[in-house]
Amino acid sequence: MEKMTNRIKIIKDIIDLAARQVSRTYGYKYNIDIFKDLENGNIIKDLNTGIKKNNVFVKRQFENVYELNVYRNFLYYLIRIIRPAEVLETGVFHGLTTLWILQALHDNNFGRLTSIDLPRREWGNFFPNREMGAGHQGEEELPADCDPGWIVPDKLKDRWDLQIGPSELLLEKVLKNHPIDFFIHDSDHSYETMKYEIETVTNYNQECFVAVDNYDHSNFIYEFLAAKNLSSAFINELDEFNDIFPRLALLKIGTNESSEERWAAQLKARKNTMDKS
């Protein structure tokens, strides 16, 4: 119990630092109290109910949202503070992240989610001569009787449009019909797919907020940042051994603040504080 308590504290601390980083980088108001809605809501109850549909999850009961680590909880926070009208997610699998996204939209009482997913069992039908990118080798296939996102409760599906197939075929159709302002890449993490999805989305909307899961599985993000005038933030995750590792990249047109500018701002804030005292 003490070990789990310490782990949850570390996760909360990482999320708090990430929230402060986003506030500084992009100008969104820091509001960690948003998590009270998530902590006191029904999302864990809904998750535990969904788990009972099959035997996919080894863990059969969750007690709080922080057992789901940093990534999903921080995406919930981002969507709550940004309040996007049109969210696009590539990569669904069981639908855990989708559930957290839809809960954020529900709690905002605003916005819709479009998800694109190509189940692993269908990969070879579209890409017979191409292996999936890094990051999926340790994951099991969906059960034969389950569709992507099977964990999502019916009560949240009114804000959700799920499209099955490769993003190479579906993405531009979605972008032509939906002015996407928040994009989450969590599909195949190969260089080719990451490049196609992120460049295509940002070509349609240069001011779209982009979140890239497992960004370090290829070099594309580093090349993209070098070529574009974007502000970035990199968010860490906690693994099962309580070691911190890089997980999420955030990209958006924002404040490109140099270290000199940041130091000048700190000095000014410090002087104002001293003058008031």
Protein backbone atom coordinates (compact mmCIF):
# COMPACT_ATOMS: atom_id res chain seq x y z
CA MET A 1 0.00 0.00 0.00
CA GLU A 2 2.84 2.41 0.89
CA LYS A 3 4.59 1.62 -2.40
CA MET A 4 1.42 2.42 -4.37
CA THR A 5 0.91 5.62 -2.37
CA ASN A 6 4.44 6.77 -3.21
CA ARG A 7 3.93 5.91 -6.88
CA ILE A 8 0.72 7.92 -7.05
CA LYS A 9 2.49 10.90 -5.46
CA ILE A 10 5.23 10.75 -8.10
CA ILE A 11 2.62 10.59 -10.89
CA LYS A 12 0.76 13.58 -9.44
CA ASP A 13 4.02 15.52 -9.19
CA ILE A 14 4.89 14.80 -12.84
CA ILE A 15 1.42 15.91 -13.93
CA ASP A 16 1.66 19.09 -11.86
CA LEU A 17 5.04 19.98 -13.39
CA ALA A 18 3.66 19.26 -16.87
CA ALA A 19 0.65 21.49 -16.23
CA ARG A 20 2.95 24.31 -15.14
CA GLN A 21 5.12 23.77 -18.21
CA VAL A 22 2.12 24.04 -20.55
CA SER A 23 0.96 27.17 -18.76
CA ARG A 24 4.36 28.80 -19.24
CA THR A 25 4.89 27.61 -22.83
CA TYR A 26 1.44 28.23 -24.29
CA GLY A 27 -0.20 30.69 -21.93
CA TYR A 28 -3.02 28.47 -20.71
CA LYS A 29 -4.12 29.10 -17.14
CA TYR A 30 -2.67 26.64 -14.65
CA ASN A 31 -5.60 24.91 -12.93
CA ILE A 32 -4.70 21.66 -11.23
CA ASP A 33 -8.11 21.65 -9.49
CA ILE A 34 -9.50 20.29 -12.76
CA PHE A 35 -8.42 16.84 -11.59
CA LYS A 36 -11.01 16.93 -8.83
CA ASP A 37 -13.66 16.38 -11.52
CA LEU A 38 -11.78 13.33 -12.75
CA GLU A 39 -11.03 11.97 -9.27
CA ASN A 40 -14.60 12.38 -8.05
CA GLY A 41 -16.32 11.30 -11.25
CA ASN A 42 -17.43 7.91 -12.53
CA ILE A 43 -14.61 7.11 -14.93
CA ILE A 44 -13.05 4.40 -12.74
CA LYS A 45 -16.46 2.87 -12.13
CA ASP A 46 -17.10 2.86 -15.89
CA LEU A 47 -13.66 1.34 -16.53
CA ASN A 48 -14.17 -1.44 -14.00
CA THR A 49 -17.58 -2.21 -15.50
CA GLY A 50 -16.08 -2.39 -19.00
CA ILE A 51 -13.26 -4.68 -17.88
CA LYS A 52 -15.80 -7.35 -16.96
CA LYS A 53 -16.83 -7.76 -20.61
CA ASN A 54 -13.87 -10.10 -21.23
CA ASN A 55 -10.54 -11.28 -19.80
CA VAL A 56 -8.27 -8.90 -21.71
CA PHE A 57 -7.10 -6.94 -18.67
CA VAL A 58 -4.93 -8.82 -16.20
CA LYS A 59 -5.75 -6.18 -13.58
CA ARG A 60 -9.44 -6.68 -12.82
CA GLN A 61 -10.10 -3.69 -10.57
CA PHE A 62 -8.80 -0.11 -10.49
CA GLU A 63 -9.14 2.11 -7.44
CA ASN A 64 -8.21 5.57 -8.74
CA VAL A 65 -7.34 7.39 -11.96
CA TYR A 66 -3.63 7.64 -11.17
CA GLU A 67 -3.22 3.89 -11.58
CA LEU A 68 -3.51 4.76 -15.28
CA ASN A 69 -0.29 6.80 -15.00
CA VAL A 70 0.56 10.23 -16.44
CA TYR A 71 -0.31 10.09 -20.14
CA ARG A 72 -4.09 9.71 -20.13
CA ASN A 73 -4.63 11.90 -17.09
CA PHE A 74 -2.55 14.68 -18.58
CA LEU A 75 -4.44 14.49 -21.88
CA TYR A 76 -7.63 14.89 -19.85
CA TYR A 77 -6.14 18.03 -18.28
CA LEU A 78 -5.08 19.46 -21.64
CA ILE A 79 -8.50 19.00 -23.18
CA ARG A 80 -10.18 20.56 -20.18
CA ILE A 81 -8.04 23.73 -20.27
CA ILE A 82 -7.81 24.06 -24.07
CA ARG A 83 -11.51 23.25 -24.70
CA PRO A 84 -11.06 22.08 -28.32
CA ALA A 85 -14.13 21.87 -30.53
CA GLU A 86 -12.84 19.06 -32.77
CA VAL A 87 -10.41 16.45 -31.45
CA LEU A 88 -8.79 13.85 -33.71
CA GLU A 89 -7.14 10.71 -32.38
CA THR A 90 -5.26 8.14 -34.44
CA GLY A 91 -4.85 4.81 -32.70
CA VAL A 92 -7.57 3.45 -30.41
CA PHE A 93 -6.87 -0.20 -29.51
CA HIS A 94 -8.94 -1.06 -26.40
CA GLY A 95 -10.00 2.57 -26.00
CA LEU A 96 -8.47 3.56 -22.67
CA THR A 97 -7.12 6.86 -23.96
CA THR A 98 -10.33 7.36 -25.93
CA LEU A 99 -12.30 6.97 -22.70
CA TRP A 100 -10.23 9.66 -20.98
CA ILE A 101 -10.61 12.01 -23.99
CA LEU A 102 -14.37 11.54 -24.14
CA GLN A 103 -14.67 12.08 -20.39
CA ALA A 104 -12.83 15.40 -20.76
CA LEU A 105 -15.15 16.50 -23.57
CA HIS A 106 -18.15 15.42 -21.51
CA ASP A 107 -16.91 17.38 -18.48
CA ASN A 108 -16.36 20.42 -20.73
CA ASN A 109 -19.86 19.90 -22.14
CA PHE A 110 -18.25 20.86 -25.43
CA GLY A 111 -16.43 19.28 -28.34
CA ARG A 112 -16.38 16.07 -30.36
CA LEU A 113 -13.86 13.29 -30.99
CA THR A 114 -13.08 11.54 -34.26
CA SER A 115 -10.91 8.44 -33.94
CA ILE A 116 -9.13 6.55 -36.71
CA ASP A 117 -7.88 3.06 -35.98
CA LEU A 118 -6.47 0.16 -37.98
CA PRO A 119 -6.63 -3.03 -35.88
CA ARG A 120 -3.43 -5.06 -35.96
CA ARG A 121 -5.27 -8.03 -37.43
CA GLU A 122 -6.02 -5.93 -40.53
CA TRP A 123 -2.57 -4.36 -40.94
CA GLY A 124 -1.39 -6.89 -43.51
CA ASN A 125 -4.45 -6.26 -45.70
CA PHE A 126 -3.31 -2.68 -46.29
CA PHE A 127 0.46 -2.96 -45.83
CA PRO A 128 1.52 -6.48 -46.84
CA ASN A 129 5.16 -5.51 -47.33
CA ARG A 130 5.59 -3.16 -44.38
CA GLU A 131 6.13 -3.87 -40.70
CA MET A 132 4.45 -1.78 -38.01
CA GLY A 133 6.63 0.80 -36.31
CA ALA A 134 8.22 0.47 -32.89
CA GLY A 135 6.11 0.31 -29.77
CA HIS A 136 3.50 -2.30 -30.63
CA GLN A 137 5.48 -5.51 -30.43
CA GLY A 138 4.58 -6.21 -26.80
CA GLU A 139 0.86 -5.59 -27.19
CA GLU A 140 -1.70 -8.32 -27.68
CA GLU A 141 -4.18 -8.30 -30.54
CA LEU A 142 -7.77 -7.27 -29.92
CA PRO A 143 -10.03 -10.21 -29.10
CA ALA A 144 -11.75 -11.50 -32.24
CA ASP A 145 -15.15 -10.43 -30.96
CA CYS A 146 -14.04 -6.90 -29.96
CA ASP A 147 -13.92 -3.74 -32.02
CA PRO A 148 -11.45 -0.92 -31.31
CA GLY A 149 -12.63 1.14 -28.35
CA TRP A 150 -14.70 -1.65 -26.81
CA ILE A 151 -13.99 -0.29 -23.31
CA VAL A 152 -15.83 3.01 -24.01
CA PRO A 153 -19.25 3.13 -22.28
CA ASP A 154 -22.32 3.84 -24.39
CA LYS A 155 -23.12 7.00 -22.42
CA LEU A 156 -20.01 8.75 -23.84
CA LYS A 157 -20.40 7.68 -27.47
CA ASP A 158 -22.67 10.56 -28.51
CA ARG A 159 -19.55 12.74 -28.94
CA TRP A 160 -17.57 10.06 -30.79
CA ASP A 161 -17.10 9.07 -34.42
CA LEU A 162 -14.95 5.94 -34.85
CA GLN A 163 -13.56 5.22 -38.33
CA ILE A 164 -11.83 1.93 -39.10
CA GLY A 165 -8.95 1.84 -41.56
CA PRO A 166 -5.46 3.30 -42.12
CA SER A 167 -4.95 7.02 -41.64
CA GLU A 168 -3.39 7.11 -45.12
CA LEU A 169 -6.89 6.50 -46.52
CA LEU A 170 -9.09 8.25 -43.95
CA LEU A 171 -7.19 11.23 -42.54
CA GLU A 172 -7.69 13.78 -45.30
CA LYS A 173 -11.39 12.91 -45.57
CA VAL A 174 -11.78 13.66 -41.87
CA LEU A 175 -9.81 16.91 -42.11
CA LYS A 176 -11.92 18.14 -45.02
CA ASN A 177 -15.10 17.72 -42.96
CA HIS A 178 -13.88 18.66 -39.47
CA PRO A 179 -11.80 21.73 -38.49
CA ILE A 180 -9.52 19.77 -36.16
CA ASP A 181 -7.95 21.93 -33.44
CA PHE A 182 -6.46 19.19 -31.21
CA PHE A 183 -4.69 16.16 -32.70
CA ILE A 184 -3.38 13.13 -30.82
CA HIS A 185 -1.04 10.77 -32.67
CA ASP A 186 -1.09 7.36 -31.01
CA SER A 187 -1.17 5.02 -34.00
CA ASP A 188 1.72 3.33 -35.79
CA HIS A 189 4.85 5.11 -34.55
CA SER A 190 6.95 4.51 -37.65
CA TYR A 191 8.70 7.49 -39.20
CA GLU A 192 6.49 7.24 -42.29
CA THR A 193 3.15 7.26 -40.44
CA MET A 194 4.17 9.89 -37.90
CA LYS A 195 5.41 12.16 -40.70
CA TYR A 196 2.29 11.67 -42.81
CA GLU A 197 -0.19 12.26 -40.00
CA ILE A 198 1.45 15.27 -38.36
CA GLU A 199 2.35 17.06 -41.60
CA THR A 200 -1.12 16.46 -43.05
CA VAL A 201 -2.92 17.71 -39.93
CA THR A 202 -0.77 20.83 -39.57
CA ASN A 203 -1.07 21.61 -43.28
CA TYR A 204 -4.83 21.82 -42.78
CA ASN A 205 -4.56 23.86 -39.58
CA GLN A 206 -1.20 25.38 -38.72
CA GLU A 207 -2.45 26.37 -35.25
CA CYS A 208 -3.67 22.90 -34.32
CA PHE A 209 -2.43 21.68 -30.93
CA VAL A 210 -0.55 18.42 -31.57
CA ALA A 211 0.17 15.70 -28.99
CA VAL A 212 2.48 12.87 -30.02
CA ASP A 213 2.62 9.71 -27.92
CA ASN A 214 5.93 7.80 -27.94
CA TYR A 215 7.50 10.61 -29.96
CA ASP A 216 10.99 9.17 -29.53
CA HIS A 217 10.21 6.00 -31.52
CA SER A 218 11.48 7.81 -34.62
CA ASN A 219 13.49 10.93 -35.43
CA PHE A 220 10.62 12.70 -37.15
CA ILE A 221 9.64 15.05 -34.30
CA TYR A 222 13.17 16.41 -33.99
CA GLU A 223 13.33 17.07 -37.73
CA PHE A 224 9.87 18.64 -37.71
CA LEU A 225 10.72 21.01 -34.87
CA ALA A 226 13.96 22.04 -36.57
CA ALA A 227 12.05 23.01 -39.71
CA LYS A 228 8.99 24.70 -38.14
CA ASN A 229 8.35 27.71 -35.93
CA LEU A 230 6.67 25.76 -33.16
CA SER A 231 6.84 25.77 -29.40
CA SER A 232 7.30 22.35 -27.84
CA ALA A 233 6.94 20.69 -24.47
CA PHE A 234 8.07 17.18 -23.59
CA ILE A 235 6.19 15.27 -20.90
CA ASN A 236 7.58 12.33 -18.96
CA GLU A 237 5.90 9.11 -17.85
CA LEU A 238 6.50 6.65 -15.01
CA ASP A 239 7.08 3.00 -15.88
CA GLU A 240 6.17 -0.03 -13.79
CA PHE A 241 9.54 0.13 -12.00
CA ASN A 242 9.00 3.81 -11.05
CA ASP A 243 11.60 4.97 -13.55
CA ILE A 244 10.85 8.12 -15.54
CA PHE A 245 10.98 7.96 -19.34
CA PRO A 246 10.02 10.33 -22.22
CA ARG A 247 6.45 9.80 -23.42
CA LEU A 248 4.58 12.76 -24.90
CA ALA A 249 5.57 15.64 -27.18
CA LEU A 250 3.38 18.73 -27.47
CA LEU A 251 3.67 20.99 -30.52
CA LYS A 252 1.94 24.26 -31.26
CA ILE A 253 2.56 27.77 -32.47
CA GLY A 254 3.25 29.54 -29.20
CA THR A 255 5.77 31.53 -27.26
CA ASN A 256 9.33 30.72 -28.30
CA GLU A 257 10.91 32.09 -25.15
CA SER A 258 14.69 32.17 -24.96
CA SER A 259 16.55 31.48 -21.73
CA GLU A 260 17.52 35.19 -21.61
CA GLU A 261 13.88 36.26 -21.95
CA ARG A 262 12.81 33.79 -19.30
CA TRP A 263 15.50 35.04 -16.91
CA ALA A 264 14.50 38.66 -17.52
CA ALA A 265 10.87 37.80 -16.79
CA GLN A 266 11.88 36.07 -13.56
CA LEU A 267 13.91 39.08 -12.45
CA LYS A 268 11.00 41.40 -13.19
CA ALA A 269 8.57 39.17 -11.28
CA ARG A 270 11.00 38.96 -8.35
CA LYS A 271 11.38 42.75 -8.27
CA ASN A 272 7.60 43.24 -8.33
CA THR A 273 7.24 40.83 -5.44
CA MET A 274 9.90 42.64 -3.41
CA ASP A 275 8.35 46.06 -4.16
CA LYS A 276 4.95 44.87 -2.89
CA SER A 277 6.47 43.49 0.29
